[in-house]
Amino acid sequence: MLPSARAEGLAGDMLFQANSAHRDRTIHEKMKEQYAQGDRLIEKQWPHRIYN
C-alpha cells in the first residue's frame, strides 16, 4: 500500500468515526424526543396509569 493512500484511508476512517458518532448522537436525541412524546400521549390517555 502506498503511504499516501494509507494516510488518506486513516483520515477517512477518522472522518467516518466522527460522522457516525454525530449521527448516533442525533438519532439518540430524536429517540429521546419520540419517547417523551409517547409518554405524554400515554399520560393523556391513561392519566392514572401505574408504572412499575
Protein backbone atom coordinates (compact mmCIF):
# COMPACT_ATOMS: atom_id res chain seq x y z
CA MET A 1 0.00 0.00 0.00
CA LEU A 2 1.25 3.46 -0.83
CA PRO A 3 1.96 5.73 2.14
CA SER A 4 -0.28 8.49 0.74
CA ALA A 5 -3.18 6.06 0.24
CA ARG A 6 -2.70 4.78 3.76
CA ALA A 7 -2.77 8.32 5.17
CA GLU A 8 -5.90 9.08 3.17
CA GLY A 9 -7.50 5.90 4.48
CA LEU A 10 -6.65 6.82 8.06
CA ALA A 11 -8.06 10.33 7.61
CA GLY A 12 -11.17 8.82 6.03
CA ASP A 13 -11.59 6.44 8.98
CA MET A 14 -11.29 9.30 11.45
CA LEU A 15 -13.82 11.34 9.49
CA PHE A 16 -16.16 8.35 9.31
CA GLN A 17 -15.90 7.80 13.07
CA ALA A 18 -16.66 11.47 13.75
CA ASN A 19 -19.66 11.37 11.39
CA SER A 20 -21.03 8.15 12.87
CA ALA A 21 -20.64 9.49 16.42
CA HIS A 22 -22.53 12.63 15.41
CA ARG A 23 -25.20 10.55 13.68
CA ASP A 24 -25.61 8.30 16.72
CA ARG A 25 -25.97 11.35 18.95
CA THR A 26 -28.65 12.91 16.73
CA ILE A 27 -30.51 9.58 16.47
CA HIS A 28 -30.37 9.28 20.27
CA GLU A 29 -31.79 12.80 20.66
CA LYS A 30 -34.62 12.05 18.21
CA MET A 31 -35.43 8.80 20.01
CA LYS A 32 -35.49 10.56 23.38
CA GLU A 33 -37.90 13.15 21.97
CA GLN A 34 -40.12 10.44 20.47
CA TYR A 35 -40.21 8.56 23.78
CA ALA A 36 -41.10 11.79 25.59
CA GLN A 37 -43.95 12.40 23.13
CA GLY A 38 -45.15 8.83 23.65
CA ASP A 39 -45.07 9.25 27.43
CA ARG A 40 -47.10 12.47 27.19
CA LEU A 41 -49.62 10.71 24.95
CA ILE A 42 -49.93 7.80 27.41
CA GLU A 43 -50.40 10.26 30.28
CA LYS A 44 -53.22 11.92 28.33
CA GLN A 45 -54.95 8.62 27.54
CA TRP A 46 -54.42 6.92 30.92
CA PRO A 47 -53.73 9.65 33.48
CA HIS A 48 -53.81 7.24 36.44
CA ARG A 49 -51.64 4.54 34.92
CA ILE A 50 -49.23 3.00 37.41
CA TYR A 51 -45.65 2.47 36.28
CA ASN A 52 -43.63 -0.38 37.75
